[in-house]
Amino acid sequence: MAYLPNGRVVGISKIVRALEVLARRPQLQERLTAQLADALYTSLLASGVAVVVKAEHLCLSMRGVRKPGIKVATSAFRGTFSQEPSIQQEILTQLGGIA
């Protein structure tokens, strides 16, 4: 996660708590990524927010194709980060090594 503060700075533990609250119920990874980006963007009044979620899906490891170790990455950008592809590329490289 990366954000461009607009006067309000938050500790990492608060971000982790927000993620835990959103991830409590089963849902799509894409939706979780978007919900976390929206929550941080609105609650922090940030100029820009970027969220990258990289996770191993147990449905791929334990059922179906049974391919453990496969990780799926999703990303969401809000504010100034959503308007500049070069910034998105840099963030993706730094946060997840997925670019």
C-alpha atoms as a PDB file:
ATOM      1  CA  MET A   1       0.000   0.000   0.000  1.00  0.00           C
ATOM      2  CA  ALA A   2       1.181   3.492  -0.762  1.00  0.00           C
ATOM      3  CA  TYR A   3      -0.488   6.827  -0.226  1.00  0.00           C
ATOM      4  CA  LEU A   4       0.269  10.465  -0.772  1.00  0.00           C
ATOM      5  CA  PRO A   5      -0.780  12.192   2.463  1.00  0.00           C
ATOM      6  CA  ASN A   6      -2.774  15.364   2.401  1.00  0.00           C
ATOM      7  CA  GLY A   7      -2.060  16.445   5.970  1.00  0.00           C
ATOM      8  CA  ARG A   8      -3.123  13.176   7.631  1.00  0.00           C
ATOM      9  CA  VAL A   9      -0.627  10.394   8.262  1.00  0.00           C
ATOM     10  CA  VAL A  10      -1.587   7.005   9.688  1.00  0.00           C
ATOM     11  CA  GLY A  11       0.406   4.216  11.294  1.00  0.00           C
ATOM     12  CA  ILE A  12       0.866   0.882   9.548  1.00  0.00           C
ATOM     13  CA  SER A  13      -1.089  -0.943  12.267  1.00  0.00           C
ATOM     14  CA  LYS A  14      -4.226   1.022  11.356  1.00  0.00           C
ATOM     15  CA  ILE A  15      -3.915  -0.049   7.734  1.00  0.00           C
ATOM     16  CA  VAL A  16      -3.495  -3.677   8.777  1.00  0.00           C
ATOM     17  CA  ARG A  17      -6.600  -3.401  10.972  1.00  0.00           C
ATOM     18  CA  ALA A  18      -8.602  -1.982   8.082  1.00  0.00           C
ATOM     19  CA  LEU A  19      -7.494  -4.889   5.899  1.00  0.00           C
ATOM     20  CA  GLU A  20      -8.413  -7.411   8.604  1.00  0.00           C
ATOM     21  CA  VAL A  21     -11.903  -5.942   8.941  1.00  0.00           C
ATOM     22  CA  LEU A  22     -12.492  -6.052   5.183  1.00  0.00           C
ATOM     23  CA  ALA A  23     -11.013  -9.556   4.773  1.00  0.00           C
ATOM     24  CA  ARG A  24     -13.136 -11.180   7.496  1.00  0.00           C
ATOM     25  CA  ARG A  25     -15.741 -12.460   5.132  1.00  0.00           C
ATOM     26  CA  PRO A  26     -15.130 -14.518   2.007  1.00  0.00           C
ATOM     27  CA  GLN A  27     -15.023 -12.337  -1.085  1.00  0.00           C
ATOM     28  CA  LEU A  28     -13.255 -11.723  -4.353  1.00  0.00           C
ATOM     29  CA  GLN A  29      -9.677 -10.488  -4.157  1.00  0.00           C
ATOM     30  CA  GLU A  30     -10.461  -7.742  -6.686  1.00  0.00           C
ATOM     31  CA  ARG A  31     -13.276  -6.440  -4.489  1.00  0.00           C
ATOM     32  CA  LEU A  32     -11.107  -6.556  -1.359  1.00  0.00           C
ATOM     33  CA  THR A  33      -8.374  -4.572  -3.120  1.00  0.00           C
ATOM     34  CA  ALA A  34     -10.849  -1.923  -4.303  1.00  0.00           C
ATOM     35  CA  GLN A  35     -12.557  -1.686  -0.895  1.00  0.00           C
ATOM     36  CA  LEU A  36      -9.242  -1.140   0.897  1.00  0.00           C
ATOM     37  CA  ALA A  37      -8.204   1.530  -1.630  1.00  0.00           C
ATOM     38  CA  ASP A  38     -11.567   3.293  -1.261  1.00  0.00           C
ATOM     39  CA  ALA A  39     -11.475   3.127   2.552  1.00  0.00           C
ATOM     40  CA  LEU A  40      -7.967   4.562   2.759  1.00  0.00           C
ATOM     41  CA  TYR A  41      -8.638   7.238   0.145  1.00  0.00           C
ATOM     42  CA  THR A  42     -11.777   8.526   1.853  1.00  0.00           C
ATOM     43  CA  SER A  43     -10.720   8.166   5.488  1.00  0.00           C
ATOM     44  CA  LEU A  44      -7.248   9.675   5.062  1.00  0.00           C
ATOM     45  CA  LEU A  45      -8.382  12.327   2.581  1.00  0.00           C
ATOM     46  CA  ALA A  46      -5.222  11.369   0.712  1.00  0.00           C
ATOM     47  CA  SER A  47      -4.190  12.904  -2.590  1.00  0.00           C
ATOM     48  CA  GLY A  48      -3.509   9.438  -3.953  1.00  0.00           C
ATOM     49  CA  VAL A  49      -3.728   5.808  -2.839  1.00  0.00           C
ATOM     50  CA  ALA A  50      -2.327   2.626  -4.355  1.00  0.00           C
ATOM     51  CA  VAL A  51      -3.074  -0.865  -3.050  1.00  0.00           C
ATOM     52  CA  VAL A  52      -1.529  -4.109  -4.293  1.00  0.00           C
ATOM     53  CA  VAL A  53      -2.780  -7.412  -2.888  1.00  0.00           C
ATOM     54  CA  LYS A  54      -0.807 -10.535  -3.713  1.00  0.00           C
ATOM     55  CA  ALA A  55      -2.279 -13.757  -2.360  1.00  0.00           C
ATOM     56  CA  GLU A  56      -2.242 -17.500  -2.802  1.00  0.00           C
ATOM     57  CA  HIS A  57      -5.723 -18.857  -3.354  1.00  0.00           C
ATOM     58  CA  LEU A  58      -6.437 -22.072  -1.523  1.00  0.00           C
ATOM     59  CA  CYS A  59      -8.937 -23.062  -4.209  1.00  0.00           C
ATOM     60  CA  LEU A  60      -5.975 -23.380  -6.589  1.00  0.00           C
ATOM     61  CA  SER A  61      -3.815 -25.209  -4.049  1.00  0.00           C
ATOM     62  CA  MET A  62      -6.267 -27.636  -2.508  1.00  0.00           C
ATOM     63  CA  ARG A  63      -9.014 -28.118  -5.094  1.00  0.00           C
ATOM     64  CA  GLY A  64      -9.407 -27.945  -8.821  1.00  0.00           C
ATOM     65  CA  VAL A  65      -6.035 -27.764 -10.554  1.00  0.00           C
ATOM     66  CA  ARG A  66      -4.072 -28.367  -7.293  1.00  0.00           C
ATOM     67  CA  LYS A  67      -1.201 -26.042  -8.094  1.00  0.00           C
ATOM     68  CA  PRO A  68       0.220 -24.758  -4.784  1.00  0.00           C
ATOM     69  CA  GLY A  69       2.362 -21.641  -4.729  1.00  0.00           C
ATOM     70  CA  ILE A  70       0.538 -19.734  -7.458  1.00  0.00           C
ATOM     71  CA  LYS A  71      -0.066 -16.160  -6.365  1.00  0.00           C
ATOM     72  CA  VAL A  72      -2.555 -13.749  -7.871  1.00  0.00           C
ATOM     73  CA  ALA A  73      -1.925  -9.993  -7.715  1.00  0.00           C
ATOM     74  CA  THR A  74      -4.568  -7.291  -7.930  1.00  0.00           C
ATOM     75  CA  SER A  75      -4.144  -3.534  -7.750  1.00  0.00           C
ATOM     76  CA  ALA A  76      -6.268  -0.433  -7.276  1.00  0.00           C
ATOM     77  CA  PHE A  77      -5.336   3.221  -7.693  1.00  0.00           C
ATOM     78  CA  ARG A  78      -7.207   6.263  -6.455  1.00  0.00           C
ATOM     79  CA  GLY A  79      -6.670  10.015  -6.792  1.00  0.00           C
ATOM     80  CA  THR A  80      -3.466  11.261  -8.379  1.00  0.00           C
ATOM     81  CA  PHE A  81      -2.132   7.700  -8.638  1.00  0.00           C
ATOM     82  CA  SER A  82      -5.014   6.741 -10.935  1.00  0.00           C
ATOM     83  CA  GLN A  83      -4.170   9.463 -13.438  1.00  0.00           C
ATOM     84  CA  GLU A  84      -0.502   8.785 -14.176  1.00  0.00           C
ATOM     85  CA  PRO A  85       0.555   5.445 -15.738  1.00  0.00           C
ATOM     86  CA  SER A  86       4.267   6.049 -15.042  1.00  0.00           C
ATOM     87  CA  ILE A  87       3.559   6.445 -11.311  1.00  0.00           C
ATOM     88  CA  GLN A  88       1.428   3.295 -11.373  1.00  0.00           C
ATOM     89  CA  GLN A  89       4.271   1.362 -12.989  1.00  0.00           C
ATOM     90  CA  GLU A  90       6.742   2.570 -10.358  1.00  0.00           C
ATOM     91  CA  ILE A  91       4.368   1.728  -7.509  1.00  0.00           C
ATOM     92  CA  LEU A  92       3.660  -1.750  -8.864  1.00  0.00           C
ATOM     93  CA  THR A  93       7.376  -2.413  -9.128  1.00  0.00           C
ATOM     94  CA  GLN A  94       8.111  -1.201  -5.616  1.00  0.00           C
ATOM     95  CA  LEU A  95       5.111  -2.720  -3.828  1.00  0.00           C
ATOM     96  CA  GLY A  96       4.791  -6.071  -5.413  1.00  0.00           C
ATOM     97  CA  GLY A  97       7.494  -6.710  -7.911  1.00  0.00           C
ATOM     98  CA  ILE A  98       4.711  -7.482 -10.382  1.00  0.00           C
ATOM     99  CA  ALA A  99       5.264  -4.846 -13.043  1.00  0.00           C
END
